[in-house]
Amino acid sequence: MFQEREFLSRQDLDQYADQNWDQIQSIWNKKLLLCYSDMMNGLYKLNENSEWGPMDNQEKWQQREYELRVNYYYIFSVPTRLDGKSCLLVRSS
């Protein structure tokens, strides 16, 4: 389930991602869609069940993964001060 939606086929997932990818704000929701895509691709390769594949738009999924990696890097990279030292605060126990 993804936000109360169940993807019953590769086509369902691809169609949903094509229509909604740019509107999804949460990086974690996008990562979850990528996981679903990878899972479906693996299931298709395992038993060639047409429900889960083949992946017709592999380039789109690769672009989405690349976008996510670039955004993830910038969102979670540690900011530095002008003197080059990390601004990361570590809580001691």
C-alpha atoms as a PDB file:
ATOM      1  CA  MET A   1       0.000   0.000   0.000  1.00  0.00           C
ATOM      2  CA  PHE A   2       1.141   3.489  -0.837  1.00  0.00           C
ATOM      3  CA  GLN A   3      -0.969   6.306   0.548  1.00  0.00           C
ATOM      4  CA  GLU A   4      -4.087   4.092   0.560  1.00  0.00           C
ATOM      5  CA  ARG A   5      -3.341   2.891  -2.990  1.00  0.00           C
ATOM      6  CA  GLU A   6      -2.471  -0.646  -4.012  1.00  0.00           C
ATOM      7  CA  PHE A   7      -0.521  -1.276  -7.204  1.00  0.00           C
ATOM      8  CA  LEU A   8      -1.783  -4.483  -8.752  1.00  0.00           C
ATOM      9  CA  SER A   9       0.486  -4.364 -11.782  1.00  0.00           C
ATOM     10  CA  ARG A  10       3.567  -2.745 -13.247  1.00  0.00           C
ATOM     11  CA  GLN A  11       1.274  -0.665 -15.416  1.00  0.00           C
ATOM     12  CA  ASP A  12      -0.550   0.687 -12.328  1.00  0.00           C
ATOM     13  CA  LEU A  13       2.722   1.761 -10.716  1.00  0.00           C
ATOM     14  CA  ASP A  14       4.132   3.315 -13.883  1.00  0.00           C
ATOM     15  CA  GLN A  15       0.932   5.223 -14.558  1.00  0.00           C
ATOM     16  CA  TYR A  16       0.765   6.530 -10.980  1.00  0.00           C
ATOM     17  CA  ALA A  17       4.417   7.610 -11.007  1.00  0.00           C
ATOM     18  CA  ASP A  18       4.075   9.283 -14.412  1.00  0.00           C
ATOM     19  CA  GLN A  19       1.081  11.303 -13.229  1.00  0.00           C
ATOM     20  CA  ASN A  20       2.225  12.150  -9.692  1.00  0.00           C
ATOM     21  CA  TRP A  21       6.031  12.068  -9.386  1.00  0.00           C
ATOM     22  CA  ASP A  22       6.545  15.831  -9.644  1.00  0.00           C
ATOM     23  CA  GLN A  23       3.813  16.564  -7.084  1.00  0.00           C
ATOM     24  CA  ILE A  24       5.208  14.201  -4.445  1.00  0.00           C
ATOM     25  CA  GLN A  25       7.103  16.310  -1.925  1.00  0.00           C
ATOM     26  CA  SER A  26       8.418  13.634   0.423  1.00  0.00           C
ATOM     27  CA  ILE A  27      11.747  12.148  -0.584  1.00  0.00           C
ATOM     28  CA  TRP A  28      10.810   9.037   1.414  1.00  0.00           C
ATOM     29  CA  ASN A  29       7.626   8.518  -0.615  1.00  0.00           C
ATOM     30  CA  LYS A  30       9.656   8.773  -3.808  1.00  0.00           C
ATOM     31  CA  LYS A  31      12.163   6.275  -2.417  1.00  0.00           C
ATOM     32  CA  LEU A  32       9.283   3.938  -1.622  1.00  0.00           C
ATOM     33  CA  LEU A  33       7.997   4.136  -5.210  1.00  0.00           C
ATOM     34  CA  LEU A  34      11.508   3.317  -6.428  1.00  0.00           C
ATOM     35  CA  CYS A  35      11.552   0.310  -4.089  1.00  0.00           C
ATOM     36  CA  TYR A  36       8.218  -0.868  -5.460  1.00  0.00           C
ATOM     37  CA  SER A  37       9.593  -0.531  -8.971  1.00  0.00           C
ATOM     38  CA  ASP A  38      12.705  -2.548  -8.099  1.00  0.00           C
ATOM     39  CA  MET A  39      10.596  -5.190  -6.364  1.00  0.00           C
ATOM     40  CA  MET A  40       8.292  -5.561  -9.365  1.00  0.00           C
ATOM     41  CA  ASN A  41      11.273  -5.761 -11.683  1.00  0.00           C
ATOM     42  CA  GLY A  42      12.791  -8.501  -9.506  1.00  0.00           C
ATOM     43  CA  LEU A  43       9.517 -10.456  -9.465  1.00  0.00           C
ATOM     44  CA  TYR A  44       9.286 -10.217 -13.229  1.00  0.00           C
ATOM     45  CA  LYS A  45      12.849 -11.452 -13.690  1.00  0.00           C
ATOM     46  CA  LEU A  46      12.211 -14.285 -11.245  1.00  0.00           C
ATOM     47  CA  ASN A  47       9.183 -15.801 -12.944  1.00  0.00           C
ATOM     48  CA  GLU A  48       8.411 -13.582 -15.970  1.00  0.00           C
ATOM     49  CA  ASN A  49       4.927 -12.844 -14.640  1.00  0.00           C
ATOM     50  CA  SER A  50       3.508 -10.212 -17.001  1.00  0.00           C
ATOM     51  CA  GLU A  51       1.721  -8.589 -14.059  1.00  0.00           C
ATOM     52  CA  TRP A  52       5.052  -7.218 -12.797  1.00  0.00           C
ATOM     53  CA  GLY A  53       6.833  -6.409 -16.021  1.00  0.00           C
ATOM     54  CA  PRO A  54       8.602  -5.900 -18.201  1.00  0.00           C
ATOM     55  CA  MET A  55       9.701  -2.374 -17.351  1.00  0.00           C
ATOM     56  CA  ASP A  56       8.855  -0.453 -20.521  1.00  0.00           C
ATOM     57  CA  ASN A  57      10.091   2.936 -19.324  1.00  0.00           C
ATOM     58  CA  GLN A  58      13.388   2.061 -17.660  1.00  0.00           C
ATOM     59  CA  GLU A  59      14.920   5.416 -18.635  1.00  0.00           C
ATOM     60  CA  LYS A  60      12.222   7.307 -16.711  1.00  0.00           C
ATOM     61  CA  TRP A  61      12.870   5.227 -13.584  1.00  0.00           C
ATOM     62  CA  GLN A  62      16.620   5.751 -13.924  1.00  0.00           C
ATOM     63  CA  GLN A  63      16.050   9.508 -14.224  1.00  0.00           C
ATOM     64  CA  ARG A  64      13.857   9.448 -11.113  1.00  0.00           C
ATOM     65  CA  GLU A  65      16.519   7.546  -9.194  1.00  0.00           C
ATOM     66  CA  TYR A  66      19.196   9.994 -10.322  1.00  0.00           C
ATOM     67  CA  GLU A  67      17.020  12.961  -9.301  1.00  0.00           C
ATOM     68  CA  LEU A  68      16.492  11.397  -5.909  1.00  0.00           C
ATOM     69  CA  ARG A  69      20.203  10.763  -5.371  1.00  0.00           C
ATOM     70  CA  VAL A  70      21.079  14.362  -6.262  1.00  0.00           C
ATOM     71  CA  ASN A  71      18.324  15.796  -4.051  1.00  0.00           C
ATOM     72  CA  TYR A  72      19.131  13.379  -1.228  1.00  0.00           C
ATOM     73  CA  TYR A  73      22.782  14.421  -1.300  1.00  0.00           C
ATOM     74  CA  TYR A  74      21.977  18.116  -1.050  1.00  0.00           C
ATOM     75  CA  ILE A  75      19.241  17.745   1.535  1.00  0.00           C
ATOM     76  CA  PHE A  76      21.264  15.570   3.887  1.00  0.00           C
ATOM     77  CA  SER A  77      24.796  16.852   3.303  1.00  0.00           C
ATOM     78  CA  VAL A  78      26.319  18.383   6.387  1.00  0.00           C
ATOM     79  CA  PRO A  79      26.561  22.185   6.178  1.00  0.00           C
ATOM     80  CA  THR A  80      29.947  23.707   6.913  1.00  0.00           C
ATOM     81  CA  ARG A  81      31.006  27.010   8.373  1.00  0.00           C
ATOM     82  CA  LEU A  82      33.169  29.478   6.499  1.00  0.00           C
ATOM     83  CA  ASP A  83      36.248  28.080   8.251  1.00  0.00           C
ATOM     84  CA  GLY A  84      35.458  24.628   6.802  1.00  0.00           C
ATOM     85  CA  LYS A  85      34.485  23.004  10.101  1.00  0.00           C
ATOM     86  CA  SER A  86      31.290  21.019  10.334  1.00  0.00           C
ATOM     87  CA  CYS A  87      28.168  22.593  11.806  1.00  0.00           C
ATOM     88  CA  LEU A  88      26.895  19.179  12.837  1.00  0.00           C
ATOM     89  CA  LEU A  89      25.967  19.101  16.492  1.00  0.00           C
ATOM     90  CA  VAL A  90      26.593  15.845  18.311  1.00  0.00           C
ATOM     91  CA  ARG A  91      24.720  15.161  21.515  1.00  0.00           C
ATOM     92  CA  SER A  92      26.860  13.511  24.136  1.00  0.00           C
ATOM     93  CA  SER A  93      25.372  11.003  26.537  1.00  0.00           C
END
